[in-house]
Amino acid sequence: MRIAGATVLLTGATGGLGQDMARELAAKGARLTLSGRRPDVLEPLAKSLDARAVPADLAVRSDVERLAAECAGIDVLVANAALPSSGELLDYTPDELDRALMVNLRAPVLLARLLAPAMVGAGRGHIVLIGSLSGKAASRSTSLYNATKFGLRGFAHGFREDLHGTGVGVSLVQPGFVRDAGMFADTGAKAPAGARTVTPRQVTAGVVRAVERNLGEVNVAPPELRLLTAVAGQFPVFAARVQRLSGSADRATRDIVTAQRHRR
């Protein structure tokens, strides 16, 4: 289906990547409903794009259900909201662990469950889940984030099959390291040696391509990173050994974990 003229709910719109995504989708003619936890950021952004603002904290189940109810009848869901969830699992409190699982996995699954029936009834619609290449390859100090993104990937492909033939598509968009905006860019850390980055605009282009071509999975990353994650997915023990030998990867990981600790 076409983005131009479609009603689109975008979650995580107050983050850097979300804001860029909102602007790009609006420029392509989408009629936007934007959601995020910070009304002070959300409402000015929505006003500037002639969009609707629905503040919600996706770590709160009642907020997820309210958001779905207020957005019933939309054409496209772009589930972009997520928490970084980096660091050693043993450093997490149970409440922090629950929050990561809720925002990164349970909330997008629940939104898809609540919004899909109206799409099926209309015979048209699309659900886009923003994952990560961390959903294909595990790495040190990201076990919780890996868990949520691996889970989101499995859900996306399974739910896509459930909805096959209904006129409703499901796509998974998986960025690698994104520069200029987003979780990784916000840390100020440098990507591991040899790892190239992509732009927020490329991520949005991946979303648009996924919707308009009804693609199951779009990996937004340089070819070499897509290849490495594919190999790591098939040979995880080998990939782990290679990562342990990479000092630059360890340094980047430490910088990322330190910068993201306060966002748990």
Protein backbone atom coordinates (compact mmCIF):
# COMPACT_ATOMS: atom_id res chain seq x y z
CA MET A 1 0.00 0.00 0.00
CA ARG A 2 1.06 3.60 -0.52
CA ILE A 3 2.37 5.78 2.31
CA ALA A 4 0.99 8.92 0.71
CA GLY A 5 -2.49 9.51 2.10
CA ALA A 6 -2.27 6.64 4.61
CA THR A 7 -3.03 7.18 8.29
CA VAL A 8 0.10 6.18 10.21
CA LEU A 9 0.70 5.69 13.94
CA LEU A 10 4.37 6.16 14.79
CA THR A 11 5.51 5.24 18.30
CA GLY A 12 8.75 6.48 19.80
CA ALA A 13 8.29 9.77 17.97
CA THR A 14 10.05 11.85 20.63
CA GLY A 15 13.41 10.11 20.20
CA GLY A 16 15.93 11.44 17.72
CA LEU A 17 15.32 8.72 15.16
CA GLY A 18 11.57 8.95 15.72
CA GLN A 19 11.54 12.69 15.09
CA ASP A 20 13.48 12.27 11.87
CA MET A 21 11.20 9.43 10.82
CA ALA A 22 8.12 11.55 11.53
CA ARG A 23 9.39 14.38 9.35
CA GLU A 24 10.26 12.05 6.49
CA LEU A 25 6.92 10.23 6.62
CA ALA A 26 5.04 13.55 6.72
CA ALA A 27 7.03 14.73 3.69
CA LYS A 28 5.91 11.62 1.84
CA GLY A 29 2.27 12.46 2.45
CA ALA A 30 1.40 10.30 5.46
CA ARG A 31 -1.30 11.51 7.83
CA LEU A 32 0.45 11.03 11.14
CA THR A 33 -0.48 10.22 14.69
CA LEU A 34 2.63 10.54 16.83
CA SER A 35 3.17 8.93 20.22
CA GLY A 36 5.90 9.24 22.81
CA ARG A 37 6.53 9.66 26.52
CA ARG A 38 7.46 13.37 26.49
CA PRO A 39 4.55 15.73 25.74
CA ASP A 40 6.92 18.72 25.78
CA VAL A 41 8.70 17.26 22.72
CA LEU A 42 5.76 15.43 21.17
CA GLU A 43 3.24 18.24 20.94
CA PRO A 44 5.48 20.84 19.21
CA LEU A 45 6.65 18.16 16.77
CA ALA A 46 3.07 17.14 15.96
CA LYS A 47 2.03 20.77 15.51
CA SER A 48 4.89 21.43 13.11
CA LEU A 49 3.83 18.44 10.97
CA ASP A 50 0.06 18.99 11.20
CA ALA A 51 -0.09 15.64 13.00
CA ARG A 52 -2.03 14.32 15.97
CA ALA A 53 -0.21 13.78 19.28
CA VAL A 54 -1.12 10.97 21.69
CA PRO A 55 1.31 10.82 24.63
CA ALA A 56 1.82 7.33 26.06
CA ASP A 57 4.35 5.40 28.12
CA LEU A 58 4.60 1.97 26.54
CA ALA A 59 5.99 0.50 29.74
CA VAL A 60 2.47 0.92 31.16
CA ARG A 61 -0.03 -1.64 29.86
CA SER A 62 -3.02 0.68 30.26
CA ASP A 63 -1.24 3.31 28.16
CA VAL A 64 -0.67 0.77 25.39
CA GLU A 65 -4.34 -0.20 25.42
CA ARG A 66 -5.44 3.45 25.48
CA LEU A 67 -3.14 4.29 22.58
CA ALA A 68 -4.58 1.45 20.50
CA ALA A 69 -8.14 2.54 21.33
CA GLU A 70 -7.45 6.15 20.38
CA CYS A 71 -5.81 5.08 17.11
CA ALA A 72 -8.38 2.49 16.00
CA GLY A 73 -8.82 2.45 12.25
CA ILE A 74 -5.31 3.52 11.25
CA ASP A 75 -3.82 2.14 8.04
CA VAL A 76 -0.22 1.66 9.18
CA LEU A 77 1.47 1.02 12.52
CA VAL A 78 5.18 1.84 12.75
CA ALA A 79 6.28 0.43 16.13
CA ASN A 80 9.51 2.31 16.64
CA ALA A 81 9.66 2.87 20.41
CA ALA A 82 12.41 1.00 22.25
CA LEU A 83 14.80 1.22 25.18
CA PRO A 84 18.56 0.66 24.68
CA SER A 85 18.73 -2.18 27.25
CA SER A 86 22.49 -2.50 27.03
CA GLY A 87 24.78 -3.71 29.80
CA GLU A 88 25.29 -6.89 31.75
CA LEU A 89 22.03 -8.59 32.75
CA LEU A 90 23.32 -9.03 36.32
CA ASP A 91 23.39 -5.23 36.67
CA TYR A 92 19.65 -4.92 35.98
CA THR A 93 17.02 -4.73 38.67
CA PRO A 94 13.85 -6.79 38.11
CA ASP A 95 11.91 -3.57 37.45
CA GLU A 96 14.43 -2.43 34.81
CA LEU A 97 14.27 -5.85 33.18
CA ASP A 98 10.47 -5.77 33.07
CA ARG A 99 10.48 -2.28 31.58
CA ALA A 100 12.83 -3.32 28.77
CA LEU A 101 10.74 -6.38 27.93
CA MET A 102 7.53 -4.36 28.02
CA VAL A 103 8.65 -1.48 25.81
CA ASN A 104 10.79 -3.42 23.34
CA LEU A 105 8.70 -6.56 22.90
CA ARG A 106 5.37 -6.76 24.69
CA ALA A 107 4.12 -3.29 23.69
CA PRO A 108 4.65 -3.72 19.92
CA VAL A 109 3.12 -7.21 20.05
CA LEU A 110 0.11 -5.90 21.97
CA LEU A 111 -0.33 -2.90 19.66
CA ALA A 112 -0.22 -5.22 16.65
CA ARG A 113 -2.77 -7.51 18.29
CA LEU A 114 -5.15 -4.64 19.11
CA LEU A 115 -4.86 -2.74 15.82
CA ALA A 116 -4.76 -5.62 13.34
CA PRO A 117 -8.44 -6.71 13.55
CA ALA A 118 -9.71 -3.41 12.09
CA MET A 119 -7.11 -3.68 9.32
CA VAL A 120 -8.19 -7.24 8.56
CA GLY A 121 -11.81 -6.12 8.52
CA ALA A 122 -10.97 -3.39 6.03
CA GLY A 123 -8.89 -5.78 3.92
CA ARG A 124 -5.88 -3.45 3.95
CA GLY A 125 -3.18 -2.20 6.27
CA HIS A 126 0.41 -2.70 7.31
CA ILE A 127 2.36 -3.25 10.52
CA VAL A 128 6.03 -2.26 10.62
CA LEU A 129 8.16 -3.39 13.55
CA ILE A 130 11.46 -1.58 13.98
CA GLY A 131 13.96 -4.19 15.07
CA SER A 132 17.74 -4.20 14.91
CA LEU A 133 20.53 -6.29 13.49
CA SER A 134 20.95 -7.20 17.16
CA GLY A 135 17.94 -9.40 16.48
CA LYS A 136 20.07 -11.53 14.16
CA ALA A 137 23.44 -11.63 15.95
CA ALA A 138 24.13 -11.61 19.69
CA SER A 139 26.95 -9.63 21.24
CA ARG A 140 28.48 -9.00 24.63
CA SER A 141 26.64 -6.71 27.06
CA THR A 142 23.46 -6.75 25.00
CA SER A 143 21.79 -9.98 26.13
CA LEU A 144 18.55 -8.26 27.17
CA TYR A 145 18.41 -6.11 24.04
CA ASN A 146 19.23 -9.20 21.94
CA ALA A 147 16.40 -11.09 23.61
CA THR A 148 13.82 -8.43 22.79
CA LYS A 149 14.97 -7.98 19.20
CA PHE A 150 15.32 -11.71 18.52
CA GLY A 151 11.80 -12.08 19.90
CA LEU A 152 10.46 -9.23 17.78
CA ARG A 153 11.96 -10.83 14.67
CA GLY A 154 10.30 -14.16 15.39
CA PHE A 155 6.98 -12.48 16.08
CA ALA A 156 7.14 -10.41 12.89
CA HIS A 157 7.69 -13.38 10.61
CA GLY A 158 5.15 -15.58 12.38
CA PHE A 159 2.46 -12.88 12.48
CA ARG A 160 3.09 -12.11 8.82
CA GLU A 161 2.17 -15.70 8.01
CA ASP A 162 -0.89 -15.51 10.25
CA LEU A 163 -2.16 -12.52 8.26
CA HIS A 164 -1.24 -13.82 4.82
CA GLY A 165 -4.17 -13.42 2.44
CA THR A 166 -5.99 -10.84 4.59
CA GLY A 167 -4.63 -7.78 2.79
CA VAL A 168 -2.60 -6.81 5.85
CA GLY A 169 1.18 -6.96 5.66
CA VAL A 170 3.77 -7.26 8.42
CA SER A 171 7.34 -6.07 7.97
CA LEU A 172 10.46 -6.05 10.10
CA VAL A 173 12.95 -3.21 9.52
CA GLN A 174 16.35 -3.86 11.10
CA PRO A 175 18.91 -1.04 11.15
CA GLY A 176 22.56 -1.43 11.99
CA PHE A 177 24.53 1.46 13.52
CA VAL A 178 22.61 4.69 12.80
CA ARG A 179 24.47 7.99 12.83
CA ASP A 180 23.12 11.50 13.55
CA ALA A 181 20.05 10.33 15.51
CA GLY A 182 18.86 7.37 17.56
CA MET A 183 20.12 5.17 20.38
CA PHE A 184 23.63 4.64 19.05
CA ALA A 185 24.16 8.23 17.90
CA ASP A 186 23.00 9.55 21.29
CA THR A 187 25.83 7.72 23.06
CA GLY A 188 28.54 9.61 21.20
CA ALA A 189 30.44 6.34 20.87
CA LYS A 190 32.31 5.36 17.75
CA ALA A 191 31.25 2.30 15.82
CA PRO A 192 33.62 -0.67 16.04
CA ALA A 193 36.54 -0.45 13.65
CA GLY A 194 35.45 -1.21 10.10
CA ALA A 195 31.73 -0.89 10.84
CA ARG A 196 30.06 1.70 8.63
CA THR A 197 26.89 3.51 9.67
CA VAL A 198 23.61 4.46 7.98
CA THR A 199 21.51 7.62 8.19
CA PRO A 200 18.06 8.10 9.75
CA ARG A 201 16.77 8.88 6.25
CA GLN A 202 17.90 5.45 5.09
CA VAL A 203 15.96 3.85 7.94
CA THR A 204 12.80 5.74 6.96
CA ALA A 205 13.35 4.79 3.33
CA GLY A 206 13.46 1.18 4.51
CA VAL A 207 10.13 1.63 6.27
CA VAL A 208 8.51 3.13 3.19
CA ARG A 209 9.92 0.38 0.98
CA ALA A 210 8.67 -2.29 3.39
CA VAL A 211 5.12 -0.90 3.37
CA GLU A 212 4.83 -0.14 -0.31
CA ARG A 213 6.36 -3.44 -1.47
CA ASN A 214 5.01 -5.57 1.39
CA LEU A 215 8.47 -6.86 2.28
CA GLY A 216 8.94 -9.30 5.13
CA GLU A 217 12.35 -8.06 6.27
CA VAL A 218 14.44 -5.02 5.38
CA ASN A 219 17.98 -4.82 6.78
CA VAL A 220 19.24 -1.23 6.72
CA ALA A 221 23.00 -1.55 6.94
CA PRO A 222 26.08 -1.66 4.69
CA PRO A 223 26.51 -4.97 2.80
CA GLU A 224 29.44 -6.11 4.90
CA LEU A 225 27.50 -5.70 8.15
CA ARG A 226 24.51 -7.54 6.73
CA LEU A 227 26.84 -10.37 5.73
CA LEU A 228 28.54 -10.50 9.13
CA THR A 229 25.23 -10.67 11.01
CA ALA A 230 23.98 -13.38 8.68
CA VAL A 231 27.12 -15.43 9.39
CA ALA A 232 26.81 -14.77 13.12
CA GLY A 233 23.21 -15.95 13.06
CA GLN A 234 24.27 -19.27 11.57
CA PHE A 235 27.51 -19.69 13.53
CA PRO A 236 27.05 -17.91 16.89
CA VAL A 237 29.92 -19.64 18.72
CA PHE A 238 32.38 -18.74 15.97
CA ALA A 239 31.08 -15.15 15.90
CA ALA A 240 31.50 -14.86 19.68
CA ARG A 241 35.14 -15.95 19.43
CA VAL A 242 35.78 -13.35 16.74
CA GLN A 243 34.16 -10.63 18.87
CA ARG A 244 36.32 -11.52 21.86
CA LEU A 245 39.42 -11.01 19.74
CA SER A 246 38.27 -7.53 18.71
CA GLY A 247 39.52 -4.92 21.17
CA SER A 248 37.82 -2.08 19.30
CA ALA A 249 34.45 -3.79 19.67
CA ASP A 250 34.96 -4.06 23.45
CA ARG A 251 35.84 -0.38 23.72
CA ALA A 252 32.78 0.65 21.71
CA THR A 253 30.57 -1.58 23.85
CA ARG A 254 31.88 -0.07 27.10
CA ASP A 255 31.24 3.45 25.82
CA ILE A 256 27.72 2.56 24.71
CA VAL A 257 26.79 0.85 27.99
CA THR A 258 28.08 3.77 30.05
CA ALA A 259 26.16 6.33 28.00
CA GLN A 260 22.89 4.36 28.05
CA ARG A 261 22.86 3.30 31.72
CA HIS A 262 20.57 6.18 32.80
CA ARG A 263 17.89 5.21 30.26
CA ARG A 264 16.93 1.89 31.85
